[in-house]
Amino acid sequence: MAKTAADETVETVEVVPDAAAELAAGEAEARGEVIEVEHNGRTYTVPSPLDYPVDVVFADNDFEAVRIVLGEEQWQEYRKSKPTIRDFQLLNEKINKAAGN
């Protein structure tokens, strides 16, 4: 724990990685398999990270990166659900976790 300038105690919490999810993502990546991500009752498929379009490297933000990874058709389907920023953040986290990031 650390003390802040106002003498408040701040507890630092370390995120523990999900070893099984990371292992599955690594195996899928090695085999070049697509990864399925469940979100709000829909299944999205994304390539393993080594098979992402190279344009994802040049994405200026998470929105652009997810759009590239999902592909235009799935991105438009996602947009039809009128997602909030909070919902997008959750989808982005799910994609990253499934990809082992």
N, C-alpha and C. Protein backbone atom coordinates (compact mmCIF):
# COMPACT_ATOMS: atom_id res chain seq x y z
N MET A 1 0.84 -1.18 0.00
CA MET A 1 0.00 0.00 0.00
C MET A 1 0.88 1.24 0.00
N ALA A 2 0.36 2.28 -0.59
CA ALA A 2 1.11 3.53 -0.68
C ALA A 2 0.30 4.65 -0.06
N LYS A 3 0.99 5.67 0.38
CA LYS A 3 0.33 6.85 0.94
C LYS A 3 0.31 7.93 -0.13
N THR A 4 -0.82 8.62 -0.23
CA THR A 4 -0.93 9.73 -1.16
C THR A 4 -0.57 11.01 -0.43
N ALA A 5 -0.54 12.11 -1.16
CA ALA A 5 -0.21 13.39 -0.57
C ALA A 5 -1.18 13.76 0.55
N ALA A 6 -2.41 13.32 0.45
CA ALA A 6 -3.43 13.63 1.46
C ALA A 6 -3.46 12.56 2.54
N ASP A 7 -2.41 11.74 2.64
CA ASP A 7 -2.31 10.67 3.63
C ASP A 7 -3.44 9.65 3.53
N GLU A 8 -3.97 9.45 2.33
CA GLU A 8 -4.96 8.41 2.11
C GLU A 8 -4.20 7.14 1.74
N THR A 9 -4.69 6.03 2.20
CA THR A 9 -4.07 4.76 1.84
C THR A 9 -4.65 4.28 0.52
N VAL A 10 -3.79 3.95 -0.42
CA VAL A 10 -4.20 3.47 -1.73
C VAL A 10 -3.69 2.05 -1.88
N GLU A 11 -4.59 1.14 -2.18
CA GLU A 11 -4.20 -0.25 -2.35
C GLU A 11 -4.01 -0.55 -3.82
N THR A 12 -2.88 -1.11 -4.17
CA THR A 12 -2.59 -1.49 -5.54
C THR A 12 -3.00 -2.94 -5.74
N VAL A 13 -3.81 -3.18 -6.76
CA VAL A 13 -4.28 -4.53 -7.05
C VAL A 13 -3.67 -4.97 -8.37
N GLU A 14 -2.99 -6.09 -8.35
CA GLU A 14 -2.38 -6.62 -9.56
C GLU A 14 -3.36 -7.57 -10.23
N VAL A 15 -3.54 -7.43 -11.53
CA VAL A 15 -4.42 -8.32 -12.28
C VAL A 15 -3.69 -9.63 -12.51
N VAL A 16 -4.32 -10.71 -12.14
CA VAL A 16 -3.72 -12.03 -12.32
C VAL A 16 -4.19 -12.58 -13.66
N PRO A 17 -3.27 -12.91 -14.55
CA PRO A 17 -3.68 -13.41 -15.86
C PRO A 17 -4.37 -14.77 -15.77
N ASP A 18 -5.26 -15.01 -16.69
CA ASP A 18 -5.97 -16.29 -16.78
C ASP A 18 -5.09 -17.23 -17.60
N ALA A 19 -4.37 -18.12 -16.94
CA ALA A 19 -3.40 -18.99 -17.61
C ALA A 19 -4.05 -19.87 -18.66
N ALA A 20 -5.23 -20.41 -18.37
CA ALA A 20 -5.90 -21.28 -19.33
C ALA A 20 -6.28 -20.51 -20.59
N ALA A 21 -6.78 -19.30 -20.42
CA ALA A 21 -7.15 -18.48 -21.58
C ALA A 21 -5.92 -18.12 -22.40
N GLU A 22 -4.83 -17.79 -21.71
CA GLU A 22 -3.61 -17.45 -22.43
C GLU A 22 -3.05 -18.65 -23.19
N LEU A 23 -3.12 -19.82 -22.59
CA LEU A 23 -2.65 -21.04 -23.24
C LEU A 23 -3.49 -21.34 -24.48
N ALA A 24 -4.81 -21.26 -24.33
CA ALA A 24 -5.71 -21.52 -25.46
C ALA A 24 -5.46 -20.53 -26.59
N ALA A 25 -5.26 -19.26 -26.23
CA ALA A 25 -5.00 -18.24 -27.24
C ALA A 25 -3.68 -18.52 -27.95
N GLY A 26 -2.67 -18.92 -27.20
CA GLY A 26 -1.38 -19.24 -27.80
C GLY A 26 -1.46 -20.42 -28.75
N GLU A 27 -2.23 -21.44 -28.36
CA GLU A 27 -2.39 -22.61 -29.22
C GLU A 27 -3.15 -22.24 -30.49
N ALA A 28 -4.20 -21.44 -30.35
CA ALA A 28 -4.97 -21.02 -31.53
C ALA A 28 -4.09 -20.19 -32.46
N GLU A 29 -3.26 -19.34 -31.87
CA GLU A 29 -2.37 -18.51 -32.68
C GLU A 29 -1.36 -19.37 -33.43
N ALA A 30 -0.82 -20.37 -32.77
CA ALA A 30 0.17 -21.25 -33.40
C ALA A 30 -0.43 -22.02 -34.56
N ARG A 31 -1.70 -22.37 -34.45
CA ARG A 31 -2.36 -23.13 -35.52
C ARG A 31 -3.02 -22.22 -36.55
N GLY A 32 -3.03 -20.91 -36.29
CA GLY A 32 -3.66 -19.99 -37.24
C GLY A 32 -5.17 -20.08 -37.25
N GLU A 33 -5.75 -20.47 -36.13
CA GLU A 33 -7.21 -20.63 -36.05
C GLU A 33 -7.89 -19.30 -35.78
N VAL A 34 -9.16 -19.23 -36.14
CA VAL A 34 -9.95 -18.07 -35.77
C VAL A 34 -10.36 -18.22 -34.31
N ILE A 35 -10.61 -17.10 -33.69
CA ILE A 35 -10.99 -17.06 -32.28
C ILE A 35 -12.43 -16.57 -32.21
N GLU A 36 -13.24 -17.23 -31.41
CA GLU A 36 -14.63 -16.81 -31.23
C GLU A 36 -14.76 -16.02 -29.95
N VAL A 37 -15.47 -14.91 -30.04
CA VAL A 37 -15.71 -14.04 -28.89
C VAL A 37 -17.21 -13.86 -28.74
N GLU A 38 -17.74 -14.26 -27.59
CA GLU A 38 -19.17 -14.11 -27.30
C GLU A 38 -19.38 -12.74 -26.66
N HIS A 39 -20.36 -12.00 -27.18
CA HIS A 39 -20.65 -10.68 -26.61
C HIS A 39 -22.10 -10.32 -26.87
N ASN A 40 -22.83 -10.08 -25.81
CA ASN A 40 -24.24 -9.67 -25.90
C ASN A 40 -25.06 -10.60 -26.80
N GLY A 41 -24.87 -11.90 -26.63
CA GLY A 41 -25.67 -12.87 -27.37
C GLY A 41 -25.23 -13.10 -28.80
N ARG A 42 -24.14 -12.52 -29.20
CA ARG A 42 -23.64 -12.70 -30.56
C ARG A 42 -22.23 -13.26 -30.50
N THR A 43 -21.88 -14.06 -31.50
CA THR A 43 -20.53 -14.61 -31.59
C THR A 43 -19.78 -13.88 -32.70
N TYR A 44 -18.67 -13.28 -32.32
CA TYR A 44 -17.80 -12.62 -33.28
C TYR A 44 -16.59 -13.52 -33.51
N THR A 45 -16.12 -13.57 -34.74
CA THR A 45 -14.92 -14.35 -35.03
C THR A 45 -13.82 -13.38 -35.45
N VAL A 46 -12.65 -13.61 -34.88
CA VAL A 46 -11.49 -12.78 -35.21
C VAL A 46 -10.32 -13.72 -35.50
N PRO A 47 -9.40 -13.29 -36.33
CA PRO A 47 -8.24 -14.13 -36.60
C PRO A 47 -7.32 -14.18 -35.39
N SER A 48 -6.45 -15.16 -35.36
CA SER A 48 -5.43 -15.18 -34.31
C SER A 48 -4.54 -13.95 -34.55
N PRO A 49 -3.92 -13.40 -33.50
CA PRO A 49 -3.17 -12.15 -33.64
C PRO A 49 -2.14 -12.12 -34.76
N LEU A 50 -1.44 -13.21 -35.03
CA LEU A 50 -0.46 -13.20 -36.11
C LEU A 50 -1.10 -13.12 -37.49
N ASP A 51 -2.41 -13.36 -37.54
CA ASP A 51 -3.14 -13.28 -38.80
C ASP A 51 -3.98 -12.01 -38.91
N TYR A 52 -3.85 -11.08 -37.94
CA TYR A 52 -4.54 -9.79 -38.04
C TYR A 52 -4.06 -9.08 -39.30
N PRO A 53 -4.94 -8.30 -39.92
CA PRO A 53 -4.48 -7.46 -41.04
C PRO A 53 -3.38 -6.52 -40.53
N VAL A 54 -2.37 -6.30 -41.33
CA VAL A 54 -1.24 -5.47 -40.92
C VAL A 54 -1.69 -4.05 -40.59
N ASP A 55 -2.81 -3.60 -41.14
CA ASP A 55 -3.30 -2.25 -40.86
C ASP A 55 -3.59 -2.02 -39.38
N VAL A 56 -3.80 -3.10 -38.62
CA VAL A 56 -4.08 -2.93 -37.19
C VAL A 56 -2.89 -2.28 -36.48
N VAL A 57 -1.70 -2.47 -37.00
CA VAL A 57 -0.50 -1.87 -36.41
C VAL A 57 -0.55 -0.35 -36.53
N PHE A 58 -1.22 0.14 -37.55
CA PHE A 58 -1.27 1.58 -37.80
C PHE A 58 -2.53 2.23 -37.24
N ALA A 59 -3.36 1.47 -36.53
CA ALA A 59 -4.60 2.02 -35.97
C ALA A 59 -4.26 3.11 -34.96
N ASP A 60 -4.99 4.21 -35.03
CA ASP A 60 -4.74 5.34 -34.13
C ASP A 60 -5.40 5.18 -32.76
N ASN A 61 -6.37 4.27 -32.66
CA ASN A 61 -7.08 4.11 -31.39
C ASN A 61 -7.72 2.72 -31.34
N ASP A 62 -8.27 2.38 -30.19
CA ASP A 62 -8.88 1.06 -30.01
C ASP A 62 -10.08 0.84 -30.93
N PHE A 63 -10.86 1.89 -31.19
CA PHE A 63 -12.02 1.74 -32.06
C PHE A 63 -11.59 1.29 -33.45
N GLU A 64 -10.59 1.95 -33.98
CA GLU A 64 -10.09 1.61 -35.31
C GLU A 64 -9.49 0.21 -35.32
N ALA A 65 -8.77 -0.14 -34.27
CA ALA A 65 -8.15 -1.47 -34.20
C ALA A 65 -9.21 -2.57 -34.17
N VAL A 66 -10.24 -2.41 -33.35
CA VAL A 66 -11.30 -3.41 -33.27
C VAL A 66 -12.04 -3.50 -34.59
N ARG A 67 -12.28 -2.38 -35.22
CA ARG A 67 -12.95 -2.38 -36.52
C ARG A 67 -12.15 -3.18 -37.54
N ILE A 68 -10.85 -3.02 -37.55
CA ILE A 68 -9.99 -3.75 -38.49
C ILE A 68 -9.99 -5.23 -38.17
N VAL A 69 -9.88 -5.57 -36.88
CA VAL A 69 -9.82 -6.98 -36.47
C VAL A 69 -11.15 -7.68 -36.75
N LEU A 70 -12.27 -7.01 -36.47
CA LEU A 70 -13.58 -7.62 -36.72
C LEU A 70 -13.88 -7.73 -38.21
N GLY A 71 -13.39 -6.79 -38.98
CA GLY A 71 -13.76 -6.73 -40.39
C GLY A 71 -15.01 -5.87 -40.52
N GLU A 72 -15.21 -5.30 -41.67
CA GLU A 72 -16.28 -4.33 -41.86
C GLU A 72 -17.67 -4.91 -41.62
N GLU A 73 -17.91 -6.13 -42.08
CA GLU A 73 -19.25 -6.73 -41.92
C GLU A 73 -19.62 -6.91 -40.45
N GLN A 74 -18.72 -7.50 -39.67
CA GLN A 74 -19.01 -7.70 -38.24
C GLN A 74 -19.06 -6.36 -37.49
N TRP A 75 -18.22 -5.42 -37.89
CA TRP A 75 -18.23 -4.10 -37.25
C TRP A 75 -19.58 -3.43 -37.45
N GLN A 76 -20.11 -3.50 -38.67
CA GLN A 76 -21.41 -2.88 -38.93
C GLN A 76 -22.52 -3.58 -38.15
N GLU A 77 -22.45 -4.90 -38.02
CA GLU A 77 -23.43 -5.63 -37.20
C GLU A 77 -23.34 -5.18 -35.75
N TYR A 78 -22.14 -5.03 -35.25
CA TYR A 78 -21.95 -4.56 -33.88
C TYR A 78 -22.53 -3.16 -33.71
N ARG A 79 -22.27 -2.29 -34.66
CA ARG A 79 -22.77 -0.91 -34.59
C ARG A 79 -24.29 -0.85 -34.59
N LYS A 80 -24.95 -1.80 -35.23
CA LYS A 80 -26.42 -1.82 -35.25
C LYS A 80 -27.01 -1.98 -33.86
N SER A 81 -26.21 -2.52 -32.93
CA SER A 81 -26.70 -2.72 -31.56
C SER A 81 -26.68 -1.42 -30.75
N LYS A 82 -26.24 -0.32 -31.36
CA LYS A 82 -26.16 0.98 -30.68
C LYS A 82 -25.34 0.88 -29.39
N PRO A 83 -24.10 0.37 -29.48
CA PRO A 83 -23.29 0.16 -28.28
C PRO A 83 -22.86 1.47 -27.62
N THR A 84 -22.66 1.40 -26.33
CA THR A 84 -22.11 2.52 -25.57
C THR A 84 -20.59 2.37 -25.51
N ILE A 85 -19.94 3.39 -25.01
CA ILE A 85 -18.49 3.31 -24.82
C ILE A 85 -18.16 2.17 -23.85
N ARG A 86 -18.95 2.04 -22.79
CA ARG A 86 -18.74 0.97 -21.81
C ARG A 86 -18.86 -0.40 -22.49
N ASP A 87 -19.86 -0.55 -23.34
CA ASP A 87 -20.04 -1.82 -24.05
C ASP A 87 -18.86 -2.09 -24.98
N PHE A 88 -18.41 -1.06 -25.68
CA PHE A 88 -17.26 -1.23 -26.56
C PHE A 88 -16.03 -1.65 -25.77
N GLN A 89 -15.81 -1.03 -24.62
CA GLN A 89 -14.65 -1.39 -23.81
C GLN A 89 -14.70 -2.85 -23.40
N LEU A 90 -15.90 -3.34 -23.08
CA LEU A 90 -16.05 -4.74 -22.71
C LEU A 90 -15.74 -5.66 -23.89
N LEU A 91 -16.26 -5.32 -25.07
CA LEU A 91 -15.96 -6.11 -26.27
C LEU A 91 -14.46 -6.10 -26.55
N ASN A 92 -13.84 -4.95 -26.46
CA ASN A 92 -12.40 -4.84 -26.70
C ASN A 92 -11.62 -5.71 -25.71
N GLU A 93 -12.02 -5.69 -24.44
CA GLU A 93 -11.36 -6.53 -23.42
C GLU A 93 -11.52 -8.01 -23.75
N LYS A 94 -12.72 -8.40 -24.19
CA LYS A 94 -12.97 -9.81 -24.53
C LYS A 94 -12.10 -10.25 -25.71
N ILE A 95 -11.99 -9.40 -26.71
CA ILE A 95 -11.16 -9.72 -27.88
C ILE A 95 -9.70 -9.86 -27.44
N ASN A 96 -9.23 -8.91 -26.65
CA ASN A 96 -7.84 -8.97 -26.19
C ASN A 96 -7.58 -10.19 -25.33
N LYS A 97 -8.50 -10.52 -24.44
CA LYS A 97 -8.32 -11.69 -23.58
C LYS A 97 -8.31 -12.97 -24.42
N ALA A 98 -9.25 -13.07 -25.36
CA ALA A 98 -9.33 -14.27 -26.21
C ALA A 98 -8.07 -14.42 -27.07
N ALA A 99 -7.47 -13.29 -27.42
CA ALA A 99 -6.25 -13.31 -28.24
C ALA A 99 -4.99 -13.48 -27.40
N GLY A 100 -5.15 -13.52 -26.08
CA GLY A 100 -4.00 -13.70 -25.20
C GLY A 100 -3.24 -12.43 -24.91
N ASN A 101 -3.86 -11.30 -25.15
CA ASN A 101 -3.19 -10.00 -24.88
C ASN A 101 -3.54 -9.49 -23.51
